[in-house]
PDB file of N, CA and C in Angstrom:
ATOM      1  N   SER A   1     -93.413-184.862  -5.729  1.00  0.00           N
ATOM      2  CA  SER A   1     -92.730-183.740  -5.103  1.00  0.00           C
ATOM      3  C   SER A   1     -93.615-183.151  -4.011  1.00  0.00           C
ATOM      4  N   VAL A   2     -92.983-182.497  -3.081  1.00  0.00           N
ATOM      5  CA  VAL A   2     -93.680-181.870  -1.965  1.00  0.00           C
ATOM      6  C   VAL A   2     -93.195-180.431  -1.859  1.00  0.00           C
ATOM      7  N   LEU A   3     -94.083-179.518  -1.585  1.00  0.00           N
ATOM      8  CA  LEU A   3     -93.745-178.108  -1.432  1.00  0.00           C
ATOM      9  C   LEU A   3     -94.127-177.669  -0.030  1.00  0.00           C
ATOM     10  N   TRP A   4     -93.137-177.186   0.718  1.00  0.00           N
ATOM     11  CA  TRP A   4     -93.359-176.682   2.072  1.00  0.00           C
ATOM     12  C   TRP A   4     -93.207-175.169   2.064  1.00  0.00           C
ATOM     13  N   SER A   5     -93.993-174.483   2.864  1.00  0.00           N
ATOM     14  CA  SER A   5     -93.855-173.041   3.055  1.00  0.00           C
ATOM     15  C   SER A   5     -93.486-172.794   4.500  1.00  0.00           C
ATOM     16  N   TRP A   6     -92.437-172.006   4.708  1.00  0.00           N
ATOM     17  CA  TRP A   6     -91.974-171.673   6.052  1.00  0.00           C
ATOM     18  C   TRP A   6     -91.969-170.169   6.218  1.00  0.00           C
ATOM     19  N   ARG A   7     -92.332-169.712   7.395  1.00  0.00           N
ATOM     20  CA  ARG A   7     -92.345-168.277   7.681  1.00  0.00           C
ATOM     21  C   ARG A   7     -90.920-167.782   7.923  1.00  0.00           C
ATOM     22  N   LEU A   8     -90.581-166.651   7.308  1.00  0.00           N
ATOM     23  CA  LEU A   8     -89.287-166.022   7.563  1.00  0.00           C
ATOM     24  C   LEU A   8     -89.274-165.459   8.979  1.00  0.00           C
ATOM     25  N   PRO A   9     -88.182-165.624   9.704  1.00  0.00           N
ATOM     26  CA  PRO A   9     -88.095-165.027  11.043  1.00  0.00           C
ATOM     27  C   PRO A   9     -88.174-163.498  10.948  1.00  0.00           C
ATOM     28  N   ALA A  10     -88.657-162.878  11.991  1.00  0.00           N
ATOM     29  CA  ALA A  10     -88.760-161.407  12.034  1.00  0.00           C
ATOM     30  C   ALA A  10     -87.403-160.786  11.734  1.00  0.00           C
ATOM     31  N   GLY A  11     -87.407-159.780  10.892  1.00  0.00           N
ATOM     32  CA  GLY A  11     -86.184-159.068  10.562  1.00  0.00           C
ATOM     33  C   GLY A  11     -85.320-159.739   9.506  1.00  0.00           C
ATOM     34  N   ARG A  12     -85.758-160.879   8.993  1.00  0.00           N
ATOM     35  CA  ARG A  12     -85.001-161.586   7.961  1.00  0.00           C
ATOM     36  C   ARG A  12     -85.654-161.362   6.611  1.00  0.00           C
ATOM     37  N   HIS A  13     -84.832-161.391   5.569  1.00  0.00           N
ATOM     38  CA  HIS A  13     -85.321-161.154   4.225  1.00  0.00           C
ATOM     39  C   HIS A  13     -85.002-162.349   3.341  1.00  0.00           C
ATOM     40  N   TYR A  14     -85.908-162.600   2.422  1.00  0.00           N
ATOM     41  CA  TYR A  14     -85.776-163.741   1.533  1.00  0.00           C
ATOM     42  C   TYR A  14     -84.428-163.760   0.810  1.00  0.00           C
ATOM     43  N   GLY A  15     -84.020-162.637   0.242  1.00  0.00           N
ATOM     44  CA  GLY A  15     -82.803-162.584  -0.568  1.00  0.00           C
ATOM     45  C   GLY A  15     -81.570-163.064   0.167  1.00  0.00           C
ATOM     46  N   GLU A  16     -81.407-162.633   1.414  1.00  0.00           N
ATOM     47  CA  GLU A  16     -80.229-163.051   2.178  1.00  0.00           C
ATOM     48  C   GLU A  16     -80.268-164.557   2.458  1.00  0.00           C
ATOM     49  N   LEU A  17     -81.450-165.075   2.784  1.00  0.00           N
ATOM     50  CA  LEU A  17     -81.582-166.504   3.057  1.00  0.00           C
ATOM     51  C   LEU A  17     -81.355-167.315   1.789  1.00  0.00           C
ATOM     52  N   HIS A  18     -81.928-166.861   0.689  1.00  0.00           N
ATOM     53  CA  HIS A  18     -81.752-167.552  -0.596  1.00  0.00           C
ATOM     54  C   HIS A  18     -80.279-167.665  -0.953  1.00  0.00           C
ATOM     55  N   ASP A  19     -79.554-166.556  -0.888  1.00  0.00           N
ATOM     56  CA  ASP A  19     -78.147-166.556  -1.289  1.00  0.00           C
ATOM     57  C   ASP A  19     -77.293-167.432  -0.377  1.00  0.00           C
ATOM     58  N   ALA A  20     -77.550-167.378   0.923  1.00  0.00           N
ATOM     59  CA  ALA A  20     -76.775-168.184   1.874  1.00  0.00           C
ATOM     60  C   ALA A  20     -77.042-169.672   1.681  1.00  0.00           C
ATOM     61  N   LEU A  21     -78.290-170.043   1.431  1.00  0.00           N
ATOM     62  CA  LEU A  21     -78.608-171.451   1.197  1.00  0.00           C
ATOM     63  C   LEU A  21     -78.068-171.924  -0.153  1.00  0.00           C
ATOM     64  N   LYS A  22     -78.148-171.078  -1.165  1.00  0.00           N
ATOM     65  CA  LYS A  22     -77.635-171.460  -2.480  1.00  0.00           C
ATOM     66  C   LYS A  22     -76.136-171.731  -2.413  1.00  0.00           C
ATOM     67  N   ALA A  23     -75.411-170.950  -1.621  1.00  0.00           N
ATOM     68  CA  ALA A  23     -73.976-171.172  -1.455  1.00  0.00           C
ATOM     69  C   ALA A  23     -73.686-172.520  -0.802  1.00  0.00           C
ATOM     70  N   ARG A  24     -74.692-173.086  -0.121  1.00  0.00           N
ATOM     71  CA  ARG A  24     -74.548-174.383   0.539  1.00  0.00           C
ATOM     72  C   ARG A  24     -75.188-175.523  -0.265  1.00  0.00           C
ATOM     73  N   GLY A  25     -75.645-175.195  -1.482  1.00  0.00           N
ATOM     74  CA  GLY A  25     -76.181-176.221  -2.365  1.00  0.00           C
ATOM     75  C   GLY A  25     -77.684-176.403  -2.325  1.00  0.00           C
ATOM     76  N   PHE A  26     -78.409-175.461  -1.722  1.00  0.00           N
ATOM     77  CA  PHE A  26     -79.868-175.544  -1.651  1.00  0.00           C
ATOM     78  C   PHE A  26     -80.484-174.354  -2.380  1.00  0.00           C
ATOM     79  N   VAL A  27     -81.635-174.571  -3.003  1.00  0.00           N
ATOM     80  CA  VAL A  27     -82.362-173.484  -3.661  1.00  0.00           C
ATOM     81  C   VAL A  27     -83.751-173.414  -3.052  1.00  0.00           C
ATOM     82  N   ILE A  28     -84.129-172.222  -2.602  1.00  0.00           N
ATOM     83  CA  ILE A  28     -85.468-171.992  -2.061  1.00  0.00           C
ATOM     84  C   ILE A  28     -86.195-171.030  -2.997  1.00  0.00           C
ATOM     85  N   TYR A  29     -87.490-170.893  -2.768  1.00  0.00           N
ATOM     86  CA  TYR A  29     -88.324-170.052  -3.615  1.00  0.00           C
ATOM     87  C   TYR A  29     -89.099-169.075  -2.750  1.00  0.00           C
ATOM     88  N   VAL A  30     -89.289-167.880  -3.283  1.00  0.00           N
ATOM     89  CA  VAL A  30     -90.024-166.840  -2.569  1.00  0.00           C
ATOM     90  C   VAL A  30     -91.517-167.196  -2.520  1.00  0.00           C
ATOM     91  N   GLY A  31     -92.207-166.742  -1.492  1.00  0.00           N
ATOM     92  CA  GLY A  31     -93.652-166.924  -1.406  1.00  0.00           C
ATOM     93  C   GLY A  31     -94.348-166.131  -2.495  1.00  0.00           C
ATOM     94  N   GLN A  32     -95.565-166.504  -2.802  1.00  0.00           N
ATOM     95  CA  GLN A  32     -96.304-165.831  -3.854  1.00  0.00           C
ATOM     96  C   GLN A  32     -97.295-164.830  -3.274  1.00  0.00           C
ATOM     97  N   GLY A  33     -97.635-163.862  -4.088  1.00  0.00           N
ATOM     98  CA  GLY A  33     -98.669-162.899  -3.727  1.00  0.00           C
ATOM     99  C   GLY A  33     -98.355-162.134  -2.456  1.00  0.00           C
ATOM    100  N   ASP A  34     -99.378-161.961  -1.635  1.00  0.00           N
ATOM    101  CA  ASP A  34     -99.252-161.190  -0.400  1.00  0.00           C
ATOM    102  C   ASP A  34     -98.275-161.806   0.594  1.00  0.00           C
ATOM    103  N   LEU A  35     -98.001-163.093   0.466  1.00  0.00           N
ATOM    104  CA  LEU A  35     -97.091-163.764   1.388  1.00  0.00           C
ATOM    105  C   LEU A  35     -95.627-163.668   0.960  1.00  0.00           C
ATOM    106  N   GLY A  36     -95.362-163.005  -0.146  1.00  0.00           N
ATOM    107  CA  GLY A  36     -94.013-162.931  -0.681  1.00  0.00           C
ATOM    108  C   GLY A  36     -92.975-162.387   0.279  1.00  0.00           C
ATOM    109  N   ARG A  37     -93.371-161.528   1.182  1.00  0.00           N
ATOM    110  CA  ARG A  37     -92.425-160.955   2.145  1.00  0.00           C
ATOM    111  C   ARG A  37     -92.368-161.739   3.444  1.00  0.00           C
ATOM    112  N   GLU A  38     -93.252-162.706   3.601  1.00  0.00           N
ATOM    113  CA  GLU A  38     -93.363-163.395   4.883  1.00  0.00           C
ATOM    114  C   GLU A  38     -92.907-164.843   4.866  1.00  0.00           C
ATOM    115  N   ILE A  39     -92.918-165.479   3.717  1.00  0.00           N
ATOM    116  CA  ILE A  39     -92.591-166.911   3.688  1.00  0.00           C
ATOM    117  C   ILE A  39     -91.573-167.217   2.599  1.00  0.00           C
ATOM    118  N   PHE A  40     -90.944-168.373   2.727  1.00  0.00           N
ATOM    119  CA  PHE A  40     -90.150-168.941   1.648  1.00  0.00           C
ATOM    120  C   PHE A  40     -90.620-170.375   1.464  1.00  0.00           C
ATOM    121  N   ARG A  41     -90.362-170.915   0.290  1.00  0.00           N
ATOM    122  CA  ARG A  41     -90.851-172.247  -0.023  1.00  0.00           C
ATOM    123  C   ARG A  41     -89.679-173.178  -0.336  1.00  0.00           C
ATOM    124  N   VAL A  42     -89.843-174.428   0.058  1.00  0.00           N
ATOM    125  CA  VAL A  42     -88.862-175.473  -0.214  1.00  0.00           C
ATOM    126  C   VAL A  42     -89.597-176.614  -0.899  1.00  0.00           C
ATOM    127  N   ALA A  43     -89.120-176.994  -2.074  1.00  0.00           N
ATOM    128  CA  ALA A  43     -89.676-178.147  -2.779  1.00  0.00           C
ATOM    129  C   ALA A  43     -88.634-179.247  -2.755  1.00  0.00           C
ATOM    130  N   HIS A  44     -89.084-180.446  -2.472  1.00  0.00           N
ATOM    131  CA  HIS A  44     -88.145-181.561  -2.577  1.00  0.00           C
ATOM    132  C   HIS A  44     -88.725-182.598  -3.520  1.00  0.00           C
ATOM    133  N   MET A  45     -87.861-182.953  -4.485  1.00  0.00           N
ATOM    134  CA  MET A  45     -88.259-183.871  -5.538  1.00  0.00           C
ATOM    135  C   MET A  45     -87.155-184.908  -5.732  1.00  0.00           C
ATOM    136  N   GLY A  46     -87.523-186.093  -6.070  1.00  0.00           N
ATOM    137  CA  GLY A  46     -86.531-187.104  -6.385  1.00  0.00           C
ATOM    138  C   GLY A  46     -86.033-187.855  -5.163  1.00  0.00           C
ATOM    139  N   ASP A  47     -84.790-188.273  -5.237  1.00  0.00           N
ATOM    140  CA  ASP A  47     -84.185-189.122  -4.219  1.00  0.00           C
ATOM    141  C   ASP A  47     -83.620-188.269  -3.087  1.00  0.00           C
ATOM    142  N   ILE A  48     -84.473-187.846  -2.187  1.00  0.00           N
ATOM    143  CA  ILE A  48     -84.096-187.024  -1.039  1.00  0.00           C
ATOM    144  C   ILE A  48     -84.133-187.919   0.191  1.00  0.00           C
ATOM    145  N   GLY A  49     -83.039-187.941   0.909  1.00  0.00           N
ATOM    146  CA  GLY A  49     -82.962-188.783   2.096  1.00  0.00           C
ATOM    147  C   GLY A  49     -82.896-187.967   3.376  1.00  0.00           C
ATOM    148  N   ALA A  50     -82.899-188.675   4.483  1.00  0.00           N
ATOM    149  CA  ALA A  50     -82.843-188.022   5.792  1.00  0.00           C
ATOM    150  C   ALA A  50     -81.592-187.165   5.930  1.00  0.00           C
ATOM    151  N   GLY A  51     -80.481-187.619   5.373  1.00  0.00           N
ATOM    152  CA  GLY A  51     -79.240-186.846   5.440  1.00  0.00           C
ATOM    153  C   GLY A  51     -79.350-185.505   4.741  1.00  0.00           C
ATOM    154  N   ASP A  52     -80.079-185.477   3.620  1.00  0.00           N
ATOM    155  CA  ASP A  52     -80.283-184.222   2.891  1.00  0.00           C
ATOM    156  C   ASP A  52     -81.090-183.234   3.738  1.00  0.00           C
ATOM    157  N   LEU A  53     -82.131-183.746   4.369  1.00  0.00           N
ATOM    158  CA  LEU A  53     -82.959-182.876   5.214  1.00  0.00           C
ATOM    159  C   LEU A  53     -82.193-182.425   6.452  1.00  0.00           C
ATOM    160  N   ASP A  54     -81.345-183.291   6.993  1.00  0.00           N
ATOM    161  CA  ASP A  54     -80.494-182.902   8.122  1.00  0.00           C
ATOM    162  C   ASP A  54     -79.556-181.771   7.724  1.00  0.00           C
ATOM    163  N   ARG A  55     -78.969-181.878   6.519  1.00  0.00           N
ATOM    164  CA  ARG A  55     -78.075-180.815   6.042  1.00  0.00           C
ATOM    165  C   ARG A  55     -78.822-179.505   5.863  1.00  0.00           C
ATOM    166  N   LEU A  56     -80.052-179.559   5.337  1.00  0.00           N
ATOM    167  CA  LEU A  56     -80.854-178.352   5.165  1.00  0.00           C
ATOM    168  C   LEU A  56     -81.159-177.718   6.522  1.00  0.00           C
ATOM    169  N   CYS A  57     -81.573-178.523   7.476  1.00  0.00           N
ATOM    170  CA  CYS A  57     -81.885-177.995   8.813  1.00  0.00           C
ATOM    171  C   CYS A  57     -80.652-177.397   9.472  1.00  0.00           C
ATOM    172  N   ALA A  58     -79.504-178.043   9.316  1.00  0.00           N
ATOM    173  CA  ALA A  58     -78.258-177.521   9.882  1.00  0.00           C
ATOM    174  C   ALA A  58     -77.894-176.192   9.224  1.00  0.00           C
ATOM    175  N   ALA A  59     -78.078-176.099   7.914  1.00  0.00           N
ATOM    176  CA  ALA A  59     -77.785-174.852   7.207  1.00  0.00           C
ATOM    177  C   ALA A  59     -78.710-173.737   7.674  1.00  0.00           C
ATOM    178  N   LEU A  60     -79.990-174.044   7.837  1.00  0.00           N
ATOM    179  CA  LEU A  60     -80.935-173.034   8.318  1.00  0.00           C
ATOM    180  C   LEU A  60     -80.566-172.562   9.724  1.00  0.00           C
ATOM    181  N   ARG A  61     -80.192-173.490  10.611  1.00  0.00           N
ATOM    182  CA  ARG A  61     -79.781-173.109  11.962  1.00  0.00           C
ATOM    183  C   ARG A  61     -78.551-172.204  11.923  1.00  0.00           C
ATOM    184  N   GLU A  62     -77.592-172.559  11.081  1.00  0.00           N
ATOM    185  CA  GLU A  62     -76.368-171.769  10.979  1.00  0.00           C
ATOM    186  C   GLU A  62     -76.666-170.363  10.460  1.00  0.00           C
ATOM    187  N   ILE A  63     -77.436-170.272   9.399  1.00  0.00           N
ATOM    188  CA  ILE A  63     -77.734-168.988   8.768  1.00  0.00           C
ATOM    189  C   ILE A  63     -78.602-168.117   9.659  1.00  0.00           C
ATOM    190  N   LEU A  64     -79.597-168.722  10.271  1.00  0.00           N
ATOM    191  CA  LEU A  64     -80.564-167.948  11.053  1.00  0.00           C
ATOM    192  C   LEU A  64     -80.150-167.807  12.521  1.00  0.00           C
ATOM    193  N   GLY A  65     -79.064-168.466  12.904  1.00  0.00           N
ATOM    194  CA  GLY A  65     -78.552-168.313  14.258  1.00  0.00           C
ATOM    195  C   GLY A  65     -79.384-168.989  15.321  1.00  0.00           C
ATOM    196  N   ARG A  66     -80.050-170.053  14.951  1.00  0.00           N
ATOM    197  CA  ARG A  66     -80.867-170.797  15.906  1.00  0.00           C
ATOM    198  C   ARG A  66     -80.020-171.820  16.639  1.00  0.00           C
ATOM    199  N   PRO A  67     -80.316-172.081  17.898  1.00  0.00           N
ATOM    200  CA  PRO A  67     -79.582-173.123  18.625  1.00  0.00           C
ATOM    201  C   PRO A  67     -79.919-174.510  18.088  1.00  0.00           C
ATOM    202  N   THR A  68     -79.024-175.466  18.285  1.00  0.00           N
ATOM    203  CA  THR A  68     -79.268-176.834  17.825  1.00  0.00           C
ATOM    204  C   THR A  68     -80.141-177.589  18.783  1.00  0.00           C
TER     205      THR A  68
END
């Protein structure tokens, strides 16, 4: 398994991102300790393919309003 930590964009909160991603079939984890308000974590385990990562990136762009 691999664990990635990504910084939350300014003005964004973990809870809103977590709920929006969970509704799309993804589960993220809050950062630990002092970084809890600044980062979120994504772990990928098992049979994860390029299509899965593409779907995650598309969901993040949609939720966070980033251009493609």
